[in-house]
Amino acid sequence: MRLRFPRLMWALTPRRPERDEPFAELQRIEADPAYRALFFAELDAALIDRDTERKAVVDAVVGAAELLRALVGPAHGERAE
């Protein structure tokens, strides 16, 4: 039967179920305390980097707005002091 129906035999052969990579990663995070600590340290570093970049962008926008206000002058209806 193996020789005559190789695809059928392949389909009927028991195999270990393939685990999804993200699920395997979550299982490793839950099971290994050292890996969990490393994961959370990297996550904290990524969050700090994101917040730093966001603050830099906000500061750049505020600086550009102040420069534009200085170049344009007082807005209509505002009095120069």
PDB file of N, CA and C in Angstrom:
ATOM      1  N   MET A   1       0.832  -1.186   0.000  1.00  0.00           N
ATOM      2  CA  MET A   1       0.000   0.000   0.000  1.00  0.00           C
ATOM      3  C   MET A   1       0.881   1.256   0.000  1.00  0.00           C
ATOM      4  N   ARG A   2       2.017   1.207   0.702  1.00  0.00           N
ATOM      5  CA  ARG A   2       2.909   2.361   0.735  1.00  0.00           C
ATOM      6  C   ARG A   2       3.425   2.710  -0.653  1.00  0.00           C
ATOM      7  N   LEU A   3       3.685   1.706  -1.441  1.00  0.00           N
ATOM      8  CA  LEU A   3       4.208   1.950  -2.773  1.00  0.00           C
ATOM      9  C   LEU A   3       3.130   2.416  -3.744  1.00  0.00           C
ATOM     10  N   ARG A   4       1.938   1.937  -3.587  1.00  0.00           N
ATOM     11  CA  ARG A   4       0.874   2.273  -4.528  1.00  0.00           C
ATOM     12  C   ARG A   4       0.186   3.598  -4.205  1.00  0.00           C
ATOM     13  N   PHE A   5       0.115   3.948  -2.918  1.00  0.00           N
ATOM     14  CA  PHE A   5      -0.591   5.171  -2.508  1.00  0.00           C
ATOM     15  C   PHE A   5       0.270   6.006  -1.556  1.00  0.00           C
ATOM     16  N   PRO A   6       1.371   6.554  -2.061  1.00  0.00           N
ATOM     17  CA  PRO A   6       2.266   7.290  -1.147  1.00  0.00           C
ATOM     18  C   PRO A   6       1.610   8.525  -0.525  1.00  0.00           C
ATOM     19  N   ARG A   7       0.782   9.227  -1.294  1.00  0.00           N
ATOM     20  CA  ARG A   7       0.133  10.414  -0.729  1.00  0.00           C
ATOM     21  C   ARG A   7      -0.880  10.052   0.336  1.00  0.00           C
ATOM     22  N   LEU A   8      -1.598   8.989   0.121  1.00  0.00           N
ATOM     23  CA  LEU A   8      -2.559   8.528   1.119  1.00  0.00           C
ATOM     24  C   LEU A   8      -1.832   8.103   2.392  1.00  0.00           C
ATOM     25  N   MET A   9      -0.728   7.403   2.224  1.00  0.00           N
ATOM     26  CA  MET A   9       0.042   6.977   3.398  1.00  0.00           C
ATOM     27  C   MET A   9       0.630   8.191   4.124  1.00  0.00           C
ATOM     28  N   TRP A  10       1.053   9.192   3.357  1.00  0.00           N
ATOM     29  CA  TRP A  10       1.585  10.404   3.980  1.00  0.00           C
ATOM     30  C   TRP A  10       0.486  11.089   4.788  1.00  0.00           C
ATOM     31  N   ALA A  11      -0.725  11.139   4.249  1.00  0.00           N
ATOM     32  CA  ALA A  11      -1.840  11.789   4.938  1.00  0.00           C
ATOM     33  C   ALA A  11      -2.246  11.019   6.190  1.00  0.00           C
ATOM     34  N   LEU A  12      -2.099   9.710   6.176  1.00  0.00           N
ATOM     35  CA  LEU A  12      -2.529   8.899   7.314  1.00  0.00           C
ATOM     36  C   LEU A  12      -1.444   8.705   8.364  1.00  0.00           C
ATOM     37  N   THR A  13      -0.214   9.112   8.069  1.00  0.00           N
ATOM     38  CA  THR A  13       0.883   8.937   9.019  1.00  0.00           C
ATOM     39  C   THR A  13       0.729   9.931  10.163  1.00  0.00           C
ATOM     40  N   PRO A  14       0.733   9.437  11.410  1.00  0.00           N
ATOM     41  CA  PRO A  14       0.608  10.365  12.540  1.00  0.00           C
ATOM     42  C   PRO A  14       1.861  11.245  12.655  1.00  0.00           C
ATOM     43  N   ARG A  15       1.642  12.500  12.963  1.00  0.00           N
ATOM     44  CA  ARG A  15       2.726  13.465  13.136  1.00  0.00           C
ATOM     45  C   ARG A  15       2.473  14.281  14.393  1.00  0.00           C
ATOM     46  N   ARG A  16       3.577  14.804  14.901  1.00  0.00           N
ATOM     47  CA  ARG A  16       3.427  15.753  16.012  1.00  0.00           C
ATOM     48  C   ARG A  16       2.797  17.026  15.464  1.00  0.00           C
ATOM     49  N   PRO A  17       1.854  17.578  16.167  1.00  0.00           N
ATOM     50  CA  PRO A  17       1.240  18.812  15.660  1.00  0.00           C
ATOM     51  C   PRO A  17       2.263  19.944  15.642  1.00  0.00           C
ATOM     52  N   GLU A  18       2.235  20.704  14.570  1.00  0.00           N
ATOM     53  CA  GLU A  18       3.125  21.854  14.482  1.00  0.00           C
ATOM     54  C   GLU A  18       2.543  22.985  15.323  1.00  0.00           C
ATOM     55  N   ARG A  19       3.406  23.570  16.145  1.00  0.00           N
ATOM     56  CA  ARG A  19       2.946  24.680  16.967  1.00  0.00           C
ATOM     57  C   ARG A  19       3.243  25.979  16.247  1.00  0.00           C
ATOM     58  N   ASP A  20       2.342  26.903  16.406  1.00  0.00           N
ATOM     59  CA  ASP A  20       2.582  28.222  15.837  1.00  0.00           C
ATOM     60  C   ASP A  20       3.739  28.862  16.580  1.00  0.00           C
ATOM     61  N   GLU A  21       4.562  29.592  15.853  1.00  0.00           N
ATOM     62  CA  GLU A  21       5.740  30.220  16.447  1.00  0.00           C
ATOM     63  C   GLU A  21       5.383  31.191  17.581  1.00  0.00           C
ATOM     64  N   PRO A  22       4.383  32.087  17.419  1.00  0.00           N
ATOM     65  CA  PRO A  22       4.053  32.977  18.546  1.00  0.00           C
ATOM     66  C   PRO A  22       3.590  32.205  19.783  1.00  0.00           C
ATOM     67  N   PHE A  23       2.833  31.139  19.580  1.00  0.00           N
ATOM     68  CA  PHE A  23       2.371  30.350  20.718  1.00  0.00           C
ATOM     69  C   PHE A  23       3.546  29.680  21.418  1.00  0.00           C
ATOM     70  N   ALA A  24       4.502  29.176  20.649  1.00  0.00           N
ATOM     71  CA  ALA A  24       5.691  28.554  21.235  1.00  0.00           C
ATOM     72  C   ALA A  24       6.489  29.588  22.026  1.00  0.00           C
ATOM     73  N   GLU A  25       6.552  30.804  21.502  1.00  0.00           N
ATOM     74  CA  GLU A  25       7.262  31.877  22.205  1.00  0.00           C
ATOM     75  C   GLU A  25       6.567  32.194  23.532  1.00  0.00           C
ATOM     76  N   LEU A  26       5.250  32.249  23.528  1.00  0.00           N
ATOM     77  CA  LEU A  26       4.519  32.503  24.772  1.00  0.00           C
ATOM     78  C   LEU A  26       4.738  31.382  25.790  1.00  0.00           C
ATOM     79  N   GLN A  27       4.757  30.154  25.317  1.00  0.00           N
ATOM     80  CA  GLN A  27       5.008  29.044  26.224  1.00  0.00           C
ATOM     81  C   GLN A  27       6.405  29.133  26.827  1.00  0.00           C
ATOM     82  N   ARG A  28       7.368  29.548  26.014  1.00  0.00           N
ATOM     83  CA  ARG A  28       8.734  29.679  26.537  1.00  0.00           C
ATOM     84  C   ARG A  28       8.801  30.803  27.567  1.00  0.00           C
ATOM     85  N   ILE A  29       8.108  31.908  27.313  1.00  0.00           N
ATOM     86  CA  ILE A  29       8.098  33.017  28.265  1.00  0.00           C
ATOM     87  C   ILE A  29       7.493  32.568  29.597  1.00  0.00           C
ATOM     88  N   GLU A  30       6.425  31.779  29.534  1.00  0.00           N
ATOM     89  CA  GLU A  30       5.770  31.318  30.753  1.00  0.00           C
ATOM     90  C   GLU A  30       6.606  30.272  31.497  1.00  0.00           C
ATOM     91  N   ALA A  31       7.319  29.438  30.769  1.00  0.00           N
ATOM     92  CA  ALA A  31       7.988  28.299  31.386  1.00  0.00           C
ATOM     93  C   ALA A  31       9.392  28.609  31.902  1.00  0.00           C
ATOM     94  N   ASP A  32      10.102  29.520  31.256  1.00  0.00           N
ATOM     95  CA  ASP A  32      11.511  29.763  31.593  1.00  0.00           C
ATOM     96  C   ASP A  32      11.651  31.122  32.284  1.00  0.00           C
ATOM     97  N   PRO A  33      11.941  31.139  33.589  1.00  0.00           N
ATOM     98  CA  PRO A  33      12.037  32.419  34.302  1.00  0.00           C
ATOM     99  C   PRO A  33      13.143  33.334  33.763  1.00  0.00           C
ATOM    100  N   ALA A  34      14.267  32.765  33.367  1.00  0.00           N
ATOM    101  CA  ALA A  34      15.355  33.595  32.842  1.00  0.00           C
ATOM    102  C   ALA A  34      14.941  34.233  31.514  1.00  0.00           C
ATOM    103  N   TYR A  35      14.292  33.456  30.668  1.00  0.00           N
ATOM    104  CA  TYR A  35      13.828  33.990  29.387  1.00  0.00           C
ATOM    105  C   TYR A  35      12.740  35.035  29.611  1.00  0.00           C
ATOM    106  N   ARG A  36      11.882  34.809  30.602  1.00  0.00           N
ATOM    107  CA  ARG A  36      10.840  35.783  30.931  1.00  0.00           C
ATOM    108  C   ARG A  36      11.461  37.105  31.361  1.00  0.00           C
ATOM    109  N   ALA A  37      12.490  37.045  32.197  1.00  0.00           N
ATOM    110  CA  ALA A  37      13.159  38.263  32.650  1.00  0.00           C
ATOM    111  C   ALA A  37      13.801  38.995  31.471  1.00  0.00           C
ATOM    112  N   LEU A  38      14.438  38.248  30.577  1.00  0.00           N
ATOM    113  CA  LEU A  38      15.044  38.854  29.392  1.00  0.00           C
ATOM    114  C   LEU A  38      13.981  39.486  28.507  1.00  0.00           C
ATOM    115  N   PHE A  39      12.874  38.793  28.315  1.00  0.00           N
ATOM    116  CA  PHE A  39      11.788  39.314  27.486  1.00  0.00           C
ATOM    117  C   PHE A  39      11.256  40.626  28.054  1.00  0.00           C
ATOM    118  N   PHE A  40      11.005  40.658  29.361  1.00  0.00           N
ATOM    119  CA  PHE A  40      10.464  41.879  29.961  1.00  0.00           C
ATOM    120  C   PHE A  40      11.489  43.008  29.970  1.00  0.00           C
ATOM    121  N   ALA A  41      12.766  42.686  30.108  1.00  0.00           N
ATOM    122  CA  ALA A  41      13.801  43.724  30.038  1.00  0.00           C
ATOM    123  C   ALA A  41      13.843  44.338  28.638  1.00  0.00           C
ATOM    124  N   GLU A  42      13.761  43.497  27.624  1.00  0.00           N
ATOM    125  CA  GLU A  42      13.741  44.009  26.249  1.00  0.00           C
ATOM    126  C   GLU A  42      12.464  44.796  25.970  1.00  0.00           C
ATOM    127  N   LEU A  43      11.352  44.344  26.521  1.00  0.00           N
ATOM    128  CA  LEU A  43      10.096  45.063  26.344  1.00  0.00           C
ATOM    129  C   LEU A  43      10.165  46.439  27.005  1.00  0.00           C
ATOM    130  N   ASP A  44      10.694  46.507  28.216  1.00  0.00           N
ATOM    131  CA  ASP A  44      10.846  47.792  28.902  1.00  0.00           C
ATOM    132  C   ASP A  44      11.755  48.730  28.113  1.00  0.00           C
ATOM    133  N   ALA A  45      12.857  48.205  27.576  1.00  0.00           N
ATOM    134  CA  ALA A  45      13.775  49.024  26.782  1.00  0.00           C
ATOM    135  C   ALA A  45      13.090  49.546  25.528  1.00  0.00           C
ATOM    136  N   ALA A  46      12.296  48.708  24.872  1.00  0.00           N
ATOM    137  CA  ALA A  46      11.582  49.138  23.667  1.00  0.00           C
ATOM    138  C   ALA A  46      10.561  50.222  23.998  1.00  0.00           C
ATOM    139  N   LEU A  47       9.879  50.092  25.135  1.00  0.00           N
ATOM    140  CA  LEU A  47       8.903  51.114  25.526  1.00  0.00           C
ATOM    141  C   LEU A  47       9.591  52.440  25.851  1.00  0.00           C
ATOM    142  N   ILE A  48      10.726  52.371  26.508  1.00  0.00           N
ATOM    143  CA  ILE A  48      11.477  53.594  26.824  1.00  0.00           C
ATOM    144  C   ILE A  48      11.953  54.262  25.541  1.00  0.00           C
ATOM    145  N   ASP A  49      12.459  53.460  24.587  1.00  0.00           N
ATOM    146  CA  ASP A  49      12.891  54.015  23.300  1.00  0.00           C
ATOM    147  C   ASP A  49      11.729  54.675  22.568  1.00  0.00           C
ATOM    148  N   ARG A  50      10.573  54.020  22.582  1.00  0.00           N
ATOM    149  CA  ARG A  50       9.399  54.581  21.908  1.00  0.00           C
ATOM    150  C   ARG A  50       8.991  55.907  22.543  1.00  0.00           C
ATOM    151  N   ASP A  51       8.987  55.956  23.877  1.00  0.00           N
ATOM    152  CA  ASP A  51       8.602  57.190  24.559  1.00  0.00           C
ATOM    153  C   ASP A  51       9.612  58.303  24.303  1.00  0.00           C
ATOM    154  N   THR A  52      10.896  57.954  24.235  1.00  0.00           N
ATOM    155  CA  THR A  52      11.929  58.943  23.950  1.00  0.00           C
ATOM    156  C   THR A  52      11.765  59.505  22.546  1.00  0.00           C
ATOM    157  N   GLU A  53      11.518  58.633  21.583  1.00  0.00           N
ATOM    158  CA  GLU A  53      11.295  59.092  20.206  1.00  0.00           C
ATOM    159  C   GLU A  53      10.058  59.968  20.118  1.00  0.00           C
ATOM    160  N   ARG A  54       8.996  59.570  20.794  1.00  0.00           N
ATOM    161  CA  ARG A  54       7.753  60.349  20.768  1.00  0.00           C
ATOM    162  C   ARG A  54       7.973  61.735  21.373  1.00  0.00           C
ATOM    163  N   LYS A  55       8.721  61.801  22.472  1.00  0.00           N
ATOM    164  CA  LYS A  55       9.005  63.093  23.106  1.00  0.00           C
ATOM    165  C   LYS A  55       9.854  63.967  22.190  1.00  0.00           C
ATOM    166  N   ALA A  56      10.822  63.365  21.491  1.00  0.00           N
ATOM    167  CA  ALA A  56      11.652  64.122  20.559  1.00  0.00           C
ATOM    168  C   ALA A  56      10.815  64.698  19.423  1.00  0.00           C
ATOM    169  N   VAL A  57       9.868  63.939  18.925  1.00  0.00           N
ATOM    170  CA  VAL A  57       9.000  64.422  17.838  1.00  0.00           C
ATOM    171  C   VAL A  57       8.124  65.558  18.352  1.00  0.00           C
ATOM    172  N   VAL A  58       7.563  65.399  19.530  1.00  0.00           N
ATOM    173  CA  VAL A  58       6.711  66.457  20.090  1.00  0.00           C
ATOM    174  C   VAL A  58       7.528  67.722  20.313  1.00  0.00           C
ATOM    175  N   ASP A  59       8.733  67.579  20.849  1.00  0.00           N
ATOM    176  CA  ASP A  59       9.589  68.749  21.065  1.00  0.00           C
ATOM    177  C   ASP A  59       9.933  69.431  19.747  1.00  0.00           C
ATOM    178  N   ALA A  60      10.178  68.655  18.703  1.00  0.00           N
ATOM    179  CA  ALA A  60      10.490  69.233  17.390  1.00  0.00           C
ATOM    180  C   ALA A  60       9.289  69.989  16.836  1.00  0.00           C
ATOM    181  N   VAL A  61       8.099  69.448  16.999  1.00  0.00           N
ATOM    182  CA  VAL A  61       6.892  70.112  16.503  1.00  0.00           C
ATOM    183  C   VAL A  61       6.649  71.399  17.282  1.00  0.00           C
ATOM    184  N   VAL A  62       6.822  71.352  18.586  1.00  0.00           N
ATOM    185  CA  VAL A  62       6.633  72.560  19.404  1.00  0.00           C
ATOM    186  C   VAL A  62       7.651  73.623  19.013  1.00  0.00           C
ATOM    187  N   GLY A  63       8.893  73.211  18.810  1.00  0.00           N
ATOM    188  CA  GLY A  63       9.925  74.165  18.392  1.00  0.00           C
ATOM    189  C   GLY A  63       9.622  74.785  17.036  1.00  0.00           C
ATOM    190  N   ALA A  64       9.148  73.960  16.097  1.00  0.00           N
ATOM    191  CA  ALA A  64       8.801  74.476  14.777  1.00  0.00           C
ATOM    192  C   ALA A  64       7.616  75.431  14.870  1.00  0.00           C
ATOM    193  N   ALA A  65       6.653  75.132  15.714  1.00  0.00           N
ATOM    194  CA  ALA A  65       5.496  76.019  15.877  1.00  0.00           C
ATOM    195  C   ALA A  65       5.923  77.354  16.473  1.00  0.00           C
ATOM    196  N   GLU A  66       6.802  77.328  17.451  1.00  0.00           N
ATOM    197  CA  GLU A  66       7.285  78.582  18.049  1.00  0.00           C
ATOM    198  C   GLU A  66       8.068  79.399  17.029  1.00  0.00           C
ATOM    199  N   LEU A  67       8.894  78.751  16.226  1.00  0.00           N
ATOM    200  CA  LEU A  67       9.656  79.451  15.192  1.00  0.00           C
ATOM    201  C   LEU A  67       8.714  80.069  14.162  1.00  0.00           C
ATOM    202  N   LEU A  68       7.697  79.346  13.770  1.00  0.00           N
ATOM    203  CA  LEU A  68       6.720  79.860  12.807  1.00  0.00           C
ATOM    204  C   LEU A  68       5.966  81.042  13.382  1.00  0.00           C
ATOM    205  N   ARG A  69       5.588  80.939  14.652  1.00  0.00           N
ATOM    206  CA  ARG A  69       4.901  82.081  15.289  1.00  0.00           C
ATOM    207  C   ARG A  69       5.807  83.310  15.318  1.00  0.00           C
ATOM    208  N   ALA A  70       7.090  83.107  15.585  1.00  0.00           N
ATOM    209  CA  ALA A  70       8.026  84.234  15.645  1.00  0.00           C
ATOM    210  C   ALA A  70       8.203  84.856  14.261  1.00  0.00           C
ATOM    211  N   LEU A  71       8.207  84.034  13.214  1.00  0.00           N
ATOM    212  CA  LEU A  71       8.379  84.555  11.863  1.00  0.00           C
ATOM    213  C   LEU A  71       7.134  85.276  11.359  1.00  0.00           C
ATOM    214  N   VAL A  72       5.950  84.746  11.663  1.00  0.00           N
ATOM    215  CA  VAL A  72       4.721  85.322  11.172  1.00  0.00           C
ATOM    216  C   VAL A  72       4.350  86.564  11.955  1.00  0.00           C
ATOM    217  N   GLY A  73       4.642  86.567  13.208  1.00  0.00           N
ATOM    218  CA  GLY A  73       4.272  87.704  14.041  1.00  0.00           C
ATOM    219  C   GLY A  73       2.995  87.417  14.784  1.00  0.00           C
ATOM    220  N   PRO A  74       2.458  88.398  15.477  1.00  0.00           N
ATOM    221  CA  PRO A  74       1.227  88.154  16.243  1.00  0.00           C
ATOM    222  C   PRO A  74       0.065  87.832  15.310  1.00  0.00           C
ATOM    223  N   ALA A  75      -0.804  87.000  15.790  1.00  0.00           N
ATOM    224  CA  ALA A  75      -1.987  86.599  15.016  1.00  0.00           C
ATOM    225  C   ALA A  75      -2.975  87.747  14.953  1.00  0.00           C
ATOM    226  N   HIS A  76      -3.873  87.671  13.991  1.00  0.00           N
ATOM    227  CA  HIS A  76      -4.900  88.715  13.873  1.00  0.00           C
ATOM    228  C   HIS A  76      -5.754  88.753  15.128  1.00  0.00           C
ATOM    229  N   GLY A  77      -5.976  89.908  15.614  1.00  0.00           N
ATOM    230  CA  GLY A  77      -6.809  90.071  16.785  1.00  0.00           C
ATOM    231  C   GLY A  77      -6.020  90.013  18.086  1.00  0.00           C
ATOM    232  N   GLU A  78      -4.755  89.639  18.012  1.00  0.00           N
ATOM    233  CA  GLU A  78      -3.924  89.642  19.217  1.00  0.00           C
ATOM    234  C   GLU A  78      -3.119  90.927  19.220  1.00  0.00           C
ATOM    235  N   ARG A  79      -2.862  91.411  20.384  1.00  0.00           N
ATOM    236  CA  ARG A  79      -2.074  92.629  20.526  1.00  0.00           C
ATOM    237  C   ARG A  79      -0.644  92.263  20.852  1.00  0.00           C
ATOM    238  N   ALA A  80       0.267  92.960  20.241  1.00  0.00           N
ATOM    239  CA  ALA A  80       1.677  92.751  20.551  1.00  0.00           C
ATOM    240  C   ALA A  80       1.972  93.420  21.882  1.00  0.00           C
ATOM    241  N   GLU A  81       2.682  92.728  22.700  1.00  0.00           N
ATOM    242  CA  GLU A  81       2.975  93.305  24.020  1.00  0.00           C
ATOM    243  C   GLU A  81       4.352  93.880  24.058  1.00  0.00           C
TER     244      GLU A  81
END
